[in-house]
Amino acid sequence: MKIKYNAPTVLTFAFISAVVLILNQTVFHGLTKSWFVVGGQGSFFPDSPRCWVTLFTHVIGHADWNHLISNFGFILLIGPILEATYGSRTLLLMIAVTALVTGALNTLMFSTALLGASGVVFMMILLASFTNFTKGEIPLTFILILVLYLGRELVNSFRSDNISEFAHIIGGFCGSLFGFFRPANR
């Protein structure tokens, strides 16, 4: 038997994120803060290439191993199924759009920085609930996942913590739109 690189988009995303964390913790201290965090209000400068880059790369950076593992535990579980269903390029585009939307909205609406792939996790969770989507029908699994996951995030958004429930909600919204407007290929 041989090991197969079965989900190139998901696996590459995971490996790059792990390498960035390793580099940040060993030889390039501050790498994550410089290139993998999107700032909050007042920190986006249109003439700065770094600001544009971080709108996408914030999903690659993670604060520590617990942060990375909690995100990629879901991504490595759900992502390969979605990649097989939608294709590698389409899933990469969905990840990039989710990163851009969560990053841009965070920069416009919040004073805090944004770091990590949890918006992508929620995009994948809601998108996965659409895999049985038939035109003209809304899967009950989608409604239940929407109520459970996003309902929890709405409740948690009133707590004071270092978690961006907003990114979770927006990521879930992106996954819902992707699932609704681009049903899986059958």
N, C-alpha and C. Protein backbone atom coordinates (compact mmCIF):
# COMPACT_ATOMS: atom_id res chain seq x y z
N MET A 1 0.84 -1.18 0.00
CA MET A 1 0.00 0.00 0.00
C MET A 1 0.87 1.24 0.00
N LYS A 2 0.34 2.32 -0.59
CA LYS A 2 1.07 3.58 -0.58
C LYS A 2 0.16 4.70 -0.08
N ILE A 3 0.78 5.74 0.41
CA ILE A 3 0.03 6.90 0.91
C ILE A 3 -0.31 7.79 -0.28
N LYS A 4 -1.55 8.22 -0.35
CA LYS A 4 -2.02 9.04 -1.47
C LYS A 4 -2.30 10.47 -0.98
N TYR A 5 -1.86 11.43 -1.74
CA TYR A 5 -2.12 12.85 -1.47
C TYR A 5 -3.52 13.13 -2.00
N ASN A 6 -4.54 12.69 -1.26
CA ASN A 6 -5.91 12.57 -1.76
C ASN A 6 -6.69 13.87 -1.87
N ALA A 7 -6.30 14.90 -1.16
CA ALA A 7 -7.03 16.17 -1.18
C ALA A 7 -6.01 17.30 -1.26
N PRO A 8 -5.50 17.59 -2.46
CA PRO A 8 -4.38 18.52 -2.59
C PRO A 8 -4.63 19.92 -2.01
N THR A 9 -5.81 20.45 -2.20
CA THR A 9 -6.09 21.79 -1.66
C THR A 9 -6.08 21.76 -0.14
N VAL A 10 -6.77 20.84 0.45
CA VAL A 10 -6.88 20.75 1.91
C VAL A 10 -5.53 20.42 2.54
N LEU A 11 -4.84 19.43 1.99
CA LEU A 11 -3.56 19.02 2.55
C LEU A 11 -2.49 20.12 2.42
N THR A 12 -2.45 20.78 1.28
CA THR A 12 -1.49 21.87 1.09
C THR A 12 -1.79 23.01 2.05
N PHE A 13 -3.05 23.34 2.22
CA PHE A 13 -3.48 24.37 3.18
C PHE A 13 -3.01 24.00 4.58
N ALA A 14 -3.20 22.76 4.97
CA ALA A 14 -2.79 22.30 6.31
C ALA A 14 -1.27 22.33 6.47
N PHE A 15 -0.55 21.85 5.47
CA PHE A 15 0.91 21.82 5.57
C PHE A 15 1.50 23.23 5.60
N ILE A 16 1.01 24.12 4.77
CA ILE A 16 1.51 25.49 4.76
C ILE A 16 1.23 26.16 6.12
N SER A 17 0.05 25.95 6.66
CA SER A 17 -0.29 26.53 7.96
C SER A 17 0.64 26.00 9.06
N ALA A 18 0.92 24.70 9.04
CA ALA A 18 1.82 24.11 10.03
C ALA A 18 3.25 24.65 9.87
N VAL A 19 3.71 24.79 8.63
CA VAL A 19 5.05 25.31 8.39
C VAL A 19 5.15 26.76 8.87
N VAL A 20 4.14 27.57 8.61
CA VAL A 20 4.15 28.95 9.07
C VAL A 20 4.24 29.00 10.60
N LEU A 21 3.47 28.16 11.28
CA LEU A 21 3.52 28.13 12.74
C LEU A 21 4.90 27.68 13.24
N ILE A 22 5.46 26.66 12.62
CA ILE A 22 6.80 26.20 13.01
C ILE A 22 7.83 27.30 12.80
N LEU A 23 7.81 27.95 11.65
CA LEU A 23 8.76 29.03 11.38
C LEU A 23 8.58 30.18 12.36
N ASN A 24 7.34 30.51 12.66
CA ASN A 24 7.07 31.60 13.60
C ASN A 24 7.60 31.28 15.00
N GLN A 25 7.51 30.03 15.39
CA GLN A 25 7.94 29.64 16.74
C GLN A 25 9.43 29.34 16.85
N THR A 26 10.12 29.21 15.71
CA THR A 26 11.54 28.85 15.77
C THR A 26 12.45 29.95 15.24
N VAL A 27 12.50 30.15 13.95
CA VAL A 27 13.48 31.06 13.36
C VAL A 27 12.96 32.44 12.96
N PHE A 28 11.72 32.55 12.63
CA PHE A 28 11.17 33.83 12.18
C PHE A 28 10.10 34.33 13.14
N HIS A 29 10.51 34.65 14.35
CA HIS A 29 9.57 35.17 15.35
C HIS A 29 8.93 36.44 14.79
N GLY A 30 7.63 36.53 14.89
CA GLY A 30 6.91 37.69 14.36
C GLY A 30 6.40 37.49 12.94
N LEU A 31 6.72 36.36 12.32
CA LEU A 31 6.25 36.07 10.96
C LEU A 31 4.73 36.10 10.89
N THR A 32 4.09 35.44 11.83
CA THR A 32 2.62 35.39 11.83
C THR A 32 2.05 36.79 11.96
N LYS A 33 2.56 37.56 12.89
CA LYS A 33 2.04 38.92 13.11
C LYS A 33 2.25 39.81 11.89
N SER A 34 3.35 39.62 11.19
CA SER A 34 3.67 40.46 10.03
C SER A 34 2.86 40.13 8.78
N TRP A 35 2.67 38.83 8.51
CA TRP A 35 2.09 38.43 7.22
C TRP A 35 0.84 37.58 7.29
N PHE A 36 0.41 37.18 8.51
CA PHE A 36 -0.71 36.25 8.60
C PHE A 36 -1.77 36.70 9.61
N VAL A 37 -1.86 38.00 9.85
CA VAL A 37 -2.90 38.59 10.69
C VAL A 37 -3.48 39.76 9.93
N VAL A 38 -4.79 39.81 9.84
CA VAL A 38 -5.43 40.99 9.24
C VAL A 38 -5.85 41.90 10.39
N GLY A 39 -5.50 43.16 10.26
CA GLY A 39 -5.77 44.11 11.34
C GLY A 39 -7.23 44.53 11.40
N GLY A 40 -7.53 45.26 12.45
CA GLY A 40 -8.89 45.79 12.64
C GLY A 40 -9.04 47.17 12.02
N GLN A 41 -10.08 47.85 12.41
CA GLN A 41 -10.38 49.19 11.89
C GLN A 41 -9.17 50.11 12.01
N GLY A 42 -8.96 50.90 10.98
CA GLY A 42 -7.87 51.87 11.00
C GLY A 42 -6.51 51.28 10.68
N SER A 43 -6.43 49.98 10.43
CA SER A 43 -5.12 49.36 10.17
C SER A 43 -4.94 48.97 8.70
N PHE A 44 -5.95 49.22 7.88
CA PHE A 44 -5.84 48.86 6.46
C PHE A 44 -5.44 50.10 5.67
N PHE A 45 -4.33 49.97 4.95
CA PHE A 45 -3.83 51.07 4.13
C PHE A 45 -3.79 50.58 2.68
N PRO A 46 -4.65 51.13 1.81
CA PRO A 46 -4.76 50.63 0.43
C PRO A 46 -3.46 50.63 -0.36
N ASP A 47 -2.51 51.48 0.01
CA ASP A 47 -1.24 51.52 -0.72
C ASP A 47 -0.22 50.50 -0.19
N SER A 48 -0.61 49.72 0.82
CA SER A 48 0.28 48.72 1.40
C SER A 48 -0.02 47.33 0.84
N PRO A 49 0.93 46.75 0.10
CA PRO A 49 0.72 45.39 -0.40
C PRO A 49 0.47 44.39 0.73
N ARG A 50 1.15 44.57 1.88
CA ARG A 50 0.98 43.67 3.02
C ARG A 50 -0.47 43.64 3.47
N CYS A 51 -1.13 44.78 3.50
CA CYS A 51 -2.55 44.81 3.92
C CYS A 51 -3.42 43.98 2.98
N TRP A 52 -3.16 44.07 1.69
CA TRP A 52 -3.94 43.29 0.72
C TRP A 52 -3.66 41.79 0.88
N VAL A 53 -2.39 41.45 1.07
CA VAL A 53 -2.00 40.05 1.22
C VAL A 53 -2.67 39.43 2.44
N THR A 54 -2.66 40.15 3.57
CA THR A 54 -3.20 39.57 4.81
C THR A 54 -4.70 39.39 4.78
N LEU A 55 -5.40 40.06 3.85
CA LEU A 55 -6.83 39.80 3.71
C LEU A 55 -7.08 38.34 3.35
N PHE A 56 -6.11 37.71 2.71
CA PHE A 56 -6.21 36.30 2.33
C PHE A 56 -5.43 35.38 3.27
N THR A 57 -4.25 35.82 3.72
CA THR A 57 -3.35 34.92 4.44
C THR A 57 -3.68 34.75 5.92
N HIS A 58 -4.57 35.53 6.46
CA HIS A 58 -4.90 35.39 7.89
C HIS A 58 -5.43 34.00 8.21
N VAL A 59 -5.96 33.29 7.23
CA VAL A 59 -6.47 31.94 7.47
C VAL A 59 -5.34 30.91 7.58
N ILE A 60 -4.14 31.29 7.20
CA ILE A 60 -2.99 30.39 7.27
C ILE A 60 -2.31 30.50 8.64
N GLY A 61 -2.29 31.69 9.22
CA GLY A 61 -1.62 31.91 10.50
C GLY A 61 -2.46 31.42 11.67
N HIS A 62 -1.78 30.93 12.71
CA HIS A 62 -2.45 30.47 13.93
C HIS A 62 -1.62 30.87 15.13
N ALA A 63 -2.28 31.11 16.24
CA ALA A 63 -1.61 31.59 17.45
C ALA A 63 -0.71 30.54 18.07
N ASP A 64 -1.14 29.28 18.05
CA ASP A 64 -0.37 28.20 18.67
C ASP A 64 -0.89 26.87 18.13
N TRP A 65 -0.30 25.77 18.64
CA TRP A 65 -0.67 24.44 18.14
C TRP A 65 -2.12 24.08 18.46
N ASN A 66 -2.62 24.47 19.61
CA ASN A 66 -4.02 24.18 19.94
C ASN A 66 -4.96 24.86 18.95
N HIS A 67 -4.65 26.10 18.61
CA HIS A 67 -5.46 26.85 17.64
C HIS A 67 -5.44 26.15 16.28
N LEU A 68 -4.25 25.78 15.81
CA LEU A 68 -4.12 25.12 14.52
C LEU A 68 -4.83 23.77 14.51
N ILE A 69 -4.62 22.97 15.55
CA ILE A 69 -5.22 21.63 15.59
C ILE A 69 -6.74 21.71 15.68
N SER A 70 -7.26 22.66 16.45
CA SER A 70 -8.73 22.75 16.54
C SER A 70 -9.34 23.14 15.20
N ASN A 71 -8.67 23.99 14.43
CA ASN A 71 -9.19 24.33 13.10
C ASN A 71 -9.01 23.19 12.11
N PHE A 72 -7.80 22.63 12.05
CA PHE A 72 -7.53 21.63 11.02
C PHE A 72 -8.08 20.26 11.36
N GLY A 73 -8.47 20.02 12.60
CA GLY A 73 -9.19 18.79 12.91
C GLY A 73 -10.47 18.72 12.08
N PHE A 74 -11.18 19.85 12.02
CA PHE A 74 -12.40 19.92 11.20
C PHE A 74 -12.07 19.96 9.71
N ILE A 75 -11.12 20.80 9.33
CA ILE A 75 -10.79 20.98 7.91
C ILE A 75 -10.32 19.66 7.30
N LEU A 76 -9.49 18.91 8.02
CA LEU A 76 -9.00 17.64 7.48
C LEU A 76 -10.07 16.56 7.47
N LEU A 77 -11.11 16.71 8.28
CA LEU A 77 -12.21 15.77 8.30
C LEU A 77 -13.22 16.07 7.19
N ILE A 78 -13.63 17.32 7.10
CA ILE A 78 -14.69 17.71 6.16
C ILE A 78 -14.13 18.07 4.78
N GLY A 79 -12.96 18.71 4.76
CA GLY A 79 -12.38 19.23 3.52
C GLY A 79 -12.22 18.22 2.40
N PRO A 80 -11.65 17.04 2.66
CA PRO A 80 -11.49 16.08 1.55
C PRO A 80 -12.82 15.65 0.91
N ILE A 81 -13.85 15.55 1.71
CA ILE A 81 -15.18 15.20 1.17
C ILE A 81 -15.66 16.32 0.26
N LEU A 82 -15.50 17.57 0.72
CA LEU A 82 -15.91 18.72 -0.10
C LEU A 82 -15.05 18.85 -1.35
N GLU A 83 -13.76 18.57 -1.21
CA GLU A 83 -12.87 18.64 -2.37
C GLU A 83 -13.25 17.59 -3.41
N ALA A 84 -13.63 16.40 -2.97
CA ALA A 84 -14.07 15.36 -3.91
C ALA A 84 -15.39 15.76 -4.56
N THR A 85 -16.24 16.45 -3.82
CA THR A 85 -17.56 16.83 -4.32
C THR A 85 -17.50 18.03 -5.26
N TYR A 86 -16.74 19.05 -4.89
CA TYR A 86 -16.72 20.31 -5.65
C TYR A 86 -15.49 20.48 -6.54
N GLY A 87 -14.44 19.73 -6.28
CA GLY A 87 -13.19 19.87 -7.02
C GLY A 87 -12.19 20.73 -6.27
N SER A 88 -10.91 20.49 -6.53
CA SER A 88 -9.84 21.19 -5.82
C SER A 88 -9.85 22.69 -6.09
N ARG A 89 -9.95 23.07 -7.34
CA ARG A 89 -9.93 24.50 -7.68
C ARG A 89 -11.12 25.24 -7.11
N THR A 90 -12.28 24.65 -7.19
CA THR A 90 -13.48 25.30 -6.65
C THR A 90 -13.37 25.44 -5.14
N LEU A 91 -12.89 24.41 -4.45
CA LEU A 91 -12.74 24.52 -3.00
C LEU A 91 -11.69 25.58 -2.65
N LEU A 92 -10.60 25.64 -3.40
CA LEU A 92 -9.59 26.68 -3.16
C LEU A 92 -10.21 28.07 -3.35
N LEU A 93 -11.02 28.23 -4.36
CA LEU A 93 -11.70 29.51 -4.58
C LEU A 93 -12.65 29.83 -3.42
N MET A 94 -13.37 28.84 -2.94
CA MET A 94 -14.27 29.05 -1.80
C MET A 94 -13.49 29.47 -0.55
N ILE A 95 -12.34 28.85 -0.32
CA ILE A 95 -11.50 29.20 0.82
C ILE A 95 -11.00 30.64 0.67
N ALA A 96 -10.54 30.99 -0.54
CA ALA A 96 -10.02 32.35 -0.78
C ALA A 96 -11.12 33.40 -0.62
N VAL A 97 -12.29 33.13 -1.15
CA VAL A 97 -13.41 34.09 -1.01
C VAL A 97 -13.80 34.25 0.45
N THR A 98 -13.87 33.15 1.17
CA THR A 98 -14.20 33.21 2.60
C THR A 98 -13.15 34.00 3.36
N ALA A 99 -11.88 33.77 3.06
CA ALA A 99 -10.79 34.53 3.70
C ALA A 99 -10.94 36.01 3.40
N LEU A 100 -11.16 36.35 2.15
CA LEU A 100 -11.30 37.76 1.75
C LEU A 100 -12.49 38.43 2.44
N VAL A 101 -13.62 37.77 2.42
CA VAL A 101 -14.84 38.36 3.01
C VAL A 101 -14.68 38.53 4.52
N THR A 102 -14.20 37.49 5.22
CA THR A 102 -14.04 37.62 6.67
C THR A 102 -12.97 38.65 7.01
N GLY A 103 -11.87 38.66 6.25
CA GLY A 103 -10.81 39.63 6.50
C GLY A 103 -11.25 41.06 6.25
N ALA A 104 -11.91 41.29 5.11
CA ALA A 104 -12.35 42.65 4.77
C ALA A 104 -13.40 43.16 5.75
N LEU A 105 -14.36 42.32 6.09
CA LEU A 105 -15.40 42.76 7.04
C LEU A 105 -14.83 43.00 8.43
N ASN A 106 -13.86 42.19 8.83
CA ASN A 106 -13.22 42.42 10.13
C ASN A 106 -12.51 43.77 10.14
N THR A 107 -11.80 44.08 9.05
CA THR A 107 -11.08 45.34 8.94
C THR A 107 -12.04 46.53 8.96
N LEU A 108 -13.19 46.36 8.38
CA LEU A 108 -14.17 47.46 8.32
C LEU A 108 -14.98 47.63 9.61
N MET A 109 -15.21 46.54 10.33
CA MET A 109 -16.18 46.59 11.42
C MET A 109 -15.64 46.43 12.84
N PHE A 110 -14.43 45.88 12.99
CA PHE A 110 -13.94 45.57 14.33
C PHE A 110 -12.57 46.19 14.57
N SER A 111 -12.28 46.51 15.81
CA SER A 111 -10.98 47.08 16.15
C SER A 111 -9.93 46.01 16.41
N THR A 112 -10.36 44.76 16.54
CA THR A 112 -9.43 43.67 16.84
C THR A 112 -8.92 43.01 15.56
N ALA A 113 -7.75 42.40 15.67
CA ALA A 113 -7.16 41.69 14.54
C ALA A 113 -7.84 40.33 14.37
N LEU A 114 -7.61 39.71 13.23
CA LEU A 114 -8.20 38.41 12.93
C LEU A 114 -7.09 37.44 12.50
N LEU A 115 -7.10 36.26 13.08
CA LEU A 115 -6.07 35.26 12.84
C LEU A 115 -6.70 33.87 12.88
N GLY A 116 -6.39 33.03 11.90
CA GLY A 116 -6.83 31.65 11.93
C GLY A 116 -7.86 31.29 10.88
N ALA A 117 -8.11 29.99 10.77
CA ALA A 117 -8.97 29.44 9.72
C ALA A 117 -10.37 29.07 10.20
N SER A 118 -10.81 29.60 11.34
CA SER A 118 -12.12 29.19 11.85
C SER A 118 -13.27 29.63 10.95
N GLY A 119 -13.12 30.74 10.24
CA GLY A 119 -14.14 31.13 9.27
C GLY A 119 -14.25 30.09 8.16
N VAL A 120 -13.12 29.55 7.75
CA VAL A 120 -13.09 28.49 6.73
C VAL A 120 -13.73 27.22 7.29
N VAL A 121 -13.47 26.93 8.56
CA VAL A 121 -14.10 25.75 9.19
C VAL A 121 -15.61 25.86 9.12
N PHE A 122 -16.15 27.01 9.51
CA PHE A 122 -17.61 27.19 9.49
C PHE A 122 -18.15 27.20 8.07
N MET A 123 -17.37 27.72 7.11
CA MET A 123 -17.79 27.66 5.71
C MET A 123 -17.95 26.20 5.31
N MET A 124 -16.97 25.36 5.68
CA MET A 124 -17.01 23.94 5.31
C MET A 124 -18.14 23.20 6.01
N ILE A 125 -18.39 23.52 7.27
CA ILE A 125 -19.46 22.85 8.01
C ILE A 125 -20.81 23.11 7.34
N LEU A 126 -21.09 24.38 7.03
CA LEU A 126 -22.38 24.70 6.40
C LEU A 126 -22.44 24.19 4.97
N LEU A 127 -21.31 24.27 4.24
CA LEU A 127 -21.27 23.75 2.87
C LEU A 127 -21.51 22.24 2.86
N ALA A 128 -20.93 21.52 3.82
CA ALA A 128 -21.11 20.07 3.89
C ALA A 128 -22.57 19.69 4.09
N SER A 129 -23.32 20.53 4.80
CA SER A 129 -24.73 20.21 5.02
C SER A 129 -25.55 20.37 3.75
N PHE A 130 -24.95 20.92 2.69
CA PHE A 130 -25.63 21.08 1.40
C PHE A 130 -25.29 19.98 0.41
N THR A 131 -24.52 18.98 0.80
CA THR A 131 -24.11 17.97 -0.17
C THR A 131 -25.27 17.16 -0.72
N ASN A 132 -26.38 17.12 -0.01
CA ASN A 132 -27.58 16.40 -0.50
C ASN A 132 -28.60 17.35 -1.11
N PHE A 133 -28.18 18.53 -1.46
CA PHE A 133 -29.07 19.57 -1.97
C PHE A 133 -29.68 19.18 -3.30
N THR A 134 -30.99 19.34 -3.39
CA THR A 134 -31.72 19.15 -4.63
C THR A 134 -32.43 20.46 -4.92
N LYS A 135 -32.42 20.88 -6.16
CA LYS A 135 -33.05 22.16 -6.52
C LYS A 135 -34.49 22.21 -6.04
N GLY A 136 -34.84 23.32 -5.41
CA GLY A 136 -36.19 23.49 -4.91
C GLY A 136 -36.41 22.97 -3.50
N GLU A 137 -35.38 22.41 -2.90
CA GLU A 137 -35.50 21.87 -1.54
C GLU A 137 -34.38 22.43 -0.67
N ILE A 138 -34.65 22.59 0.60
CA ILE A 138 -33.63 22.97 1.57
C ILE A 138 -33.47 21.79 2.52
N PRO A 139 -32.24 21.24 2.60
CA PRO A 139 -32.04 20.08 3.48
C PRO A 139 -32.29 20.43 4.95
N LEU A 140 -33.00 19.57 5.63
CA LEU A 140 -33.23 19.77 7.06
C LEU A 140 -31.90 19.77 7.82
N THR A 141 -30.93 18.97 7.35
CA THR A 141 -29.61 18.96 7.99
C THR A 141 -28.99 20.36 7.95
N PHE A 142 -29.18 21.07 6.85
CA PHE A 142 -28.66 22.43 6.75
C PHE A 142 -29.31 23.33 7.80
N ILE A 143 -30.61 23.25 7.93
CA ILE A 143 -31.33 24.08 8.90
C ILE A 143 -30.86 23.77 10.32
N LEU A 144 -30.72 22.49 10.64
CA LEU A 144 -30.26 22.12 11.98
C LEU A 144 -28.84 22.58 12.26
N ILE A 145 -27.94 22.40 11.29
CA ILE A 145 -26.56 22.87 11.45
C ILE A 145 -26.54 24.39 11.59
N LEU A 146 -27.33 25.07 10.80
CA LEU A 146 -27.41 26.53 10.88
C LEU A 146 -27.84 26.96 12.27
N VAL A 147 -28.88 26.34 12.78
CA VAL A 147 -29.39 26.70 14.11
C VAL A 147 -28.37 26.34 15.20
N LEU A 148 -27.80 25.15 15.14
CA LEU A 148 -26.88 24.71 16.18
C LEU A 148 -25.57 25.48 16.18
N TYR A 149 -24.88 25.50 15.05
CA TYR A 149 -23.56 26.12 15.00
C TYR A 149 -23.63 27.64 15.02
N LEU A 150 -24.42 28.22 14.14
CA LEU A 150 -24.46 29.68 14.10
C LEU A 150 -25.25 30.25 15.27
N GLY A 151 -26.24 29.53 15.75
CA GLY A 151 -26.96 29.96 16.95
C GLY A 151 -26.01 30.04 18.14
N ARG A 152 -25.17 29.03 18.28
CA ARG A 152 -24.17 29.04 19.35
C ARG A 152 -23.22 30.22 19.21
N GLU A 153 -22.82 30.53 17.99
CA GLU A 153 -21.89 31.65 17.77
C GLU A 153 -22.55 32.99 18.09
N LEU A 154 -23.84 33.11 17.76
CA LEU A 154 -24.56 34.35 18.12
C LEU A 154 -24.62 34.53 19.63
N VAL A 155 -24.92 33.46 20.35
CA VAL A 155 -24.95 33.52 21.82
C VAL A 155 -23.56 33.84 22.36
N ASN A 156 -22.54 33.17 21.84
CA ASN A 156 -21.17 33.38 22.31
C ASN A 156 -20.63 34.77 21.98
N SER A 157 -21.19 35.42 20.98
CA SER A 157 -20.69 36.74 20.58
C SER A 157 -20.89 37.79 21.67
N PHE A 158 -21.72 37.50 22.65
CA PHE A 158 -21.94 38.45 23.74
C PHE A 158 -20.96 38.25 24.89
N ARG A 159 -20.08 37.23 24.77
CA ARG A 159 -19.06 37.00 25.78
C ARG A 159 -17.79 37.74 25.39
N SER A 160 -16.99 38.05 26.37
CA SER A 160 -15.71 38.70 26.12
C SER A 160 -14.63 37.62 26.06
N ASP A 161 -14.07 37.40 24.86
CA ASP A 161 -13.02 36.41 24.68
C ASP A 161 -12.16 36.80 23.48
N ASN A 162 -11.20 35.97 23.13
CA ASN A 162 -10.33 36.23 21.98
C ASN A 162 -10.79 35.51 20.73
N ILE A 163 -12.04 35.11 20.69
CA ILE A 163 -12.57 34.35 19.56
C ILE A 163 -13.46 35.26 18.72
N SER A 164 -13.26 35.21 17.40
CA SER A 164 -14.07 36.03 16.51
C SER A 164 -15.29 35.23 16.06
N GLU A 165 -16.33 35.30 16.85
CA GLU A 165 -17.58 34.63 16.46
C GLU A 165 -18.09 35.20 15.15
N PHE A 166 -17.79 36.47 14.91
CA PHE A 166 -18.21 37.11 13.66
C PHE A 166 -17.62 36.38 12.46
N ALA A 167 -16.33 36.01 12.53
CA ALA A 167 -15.70 35.28 11.42
C ALA A 167 -16.37 33.92 11.24
N HIS A 168 -16.77 33.28 12.34
CA HIS A 168 -17.48 32.01 12.25
C HIS A 168 -18.81 32.19 11.52
N ILE A 169 -19.54 33.22 11.93
CA ILE A 169 -20.85 33.48 11.33
C ILE A 169 -20.72 33.81 9.85
N ILE A 170 -19.78 34.68 9.51
CA ILE A 170 -19.58 35.06 8.10
C ILE A 170 -19.08 33.86 7.30
N GLY A 171 -18.18 33.06 7.86
CA GLY A 171 -17.74 31.85 7.18
C GLY A 171 -18.89 30.91 6.91
N GLY A 172 -19.76 30.73 7.91
CA GLY A 172 -20.96 29.90 7.72
C GLY A 172 -21.88 30.45 6.67
N PHE A 173 -22.02 31.77 6.64
CA PHE A 173 -22.84 32.43 5.62
C PHE A 173 -22.26 32.17 4.23
N CYS A 174 -20.93 32.28 4.10
CA CYS A 174 -20.29 32.00 2.81
C CYS A 174 -20.55 30.56 2.38
N GLY A 175 -20.38 29.61 3.31
CA GLY A 175 -20.63 28.20 2.99
C GLY A 175 -22.06 27.95 2.57
N SER A 176 -22.99 28.64 3.22
CA SER A 176 -24.41 28.51 2.86
C SER A 176 -24.66 29.01 1.45
N LEU A 177 -24.08 30.15 1.12
CA LEU A 177 -24.26 30.70 -0.23
C LEU A 177 -23.60 29.81 -1.28
N PHE A 178 -22.39 29.32 -0.99
CA PHE A 178 -21.73 28.42 -1.94
C PHE A 178 -22.58 27.18 -2.17
N GLY A 179 -23.11 26.61 -1.11
CA GLY A 179 -23.93 25.40 -1.23
C GLY A 179 -25.22 25.63 -1.98
N PHE A 180 -25.84 26.76 -1.71
CA PHE A 180 -27.14 27.08 -2.32
C PHE A 180 -26.98 27.42 -3.80
N PHE A 181 -25.96 28.22 -4.14
CA PHE A 181 -25.82 28.66 -5.53
C PHE A 181 -24.94 27.78 -6.39
N ARG A 182 -24.18 26.89 -5.78
CA ARG A 182 -23.35 25.98 -6.55
C ARG A 182 -23.51 24.57 -6.01
N PRO A 183 -24.63 23.95 -6.33
CA PRO A 183 -24.85 22.58 -5.86
C PRO A 183 -23.72 21.66 -6.33
N ALA A 184 -23.45 20.65 -5.55
CA ALA A 184 -22.38 19.70 -5.85
C ALA A 184 -22.61 19.03 -7.20
N ASN A 185 -21.52 18.72 -7.88
CA ASN A 185 -21.60 17.98 -9.14
C ASN A 185 -21.98 16.53 -8.84
N ARG A 186 -22.88 16.01 -9.58
CA ARG A 186 -23.28 14.61 -9.38
C ARG A 186 -23.06 13.84 -10.65
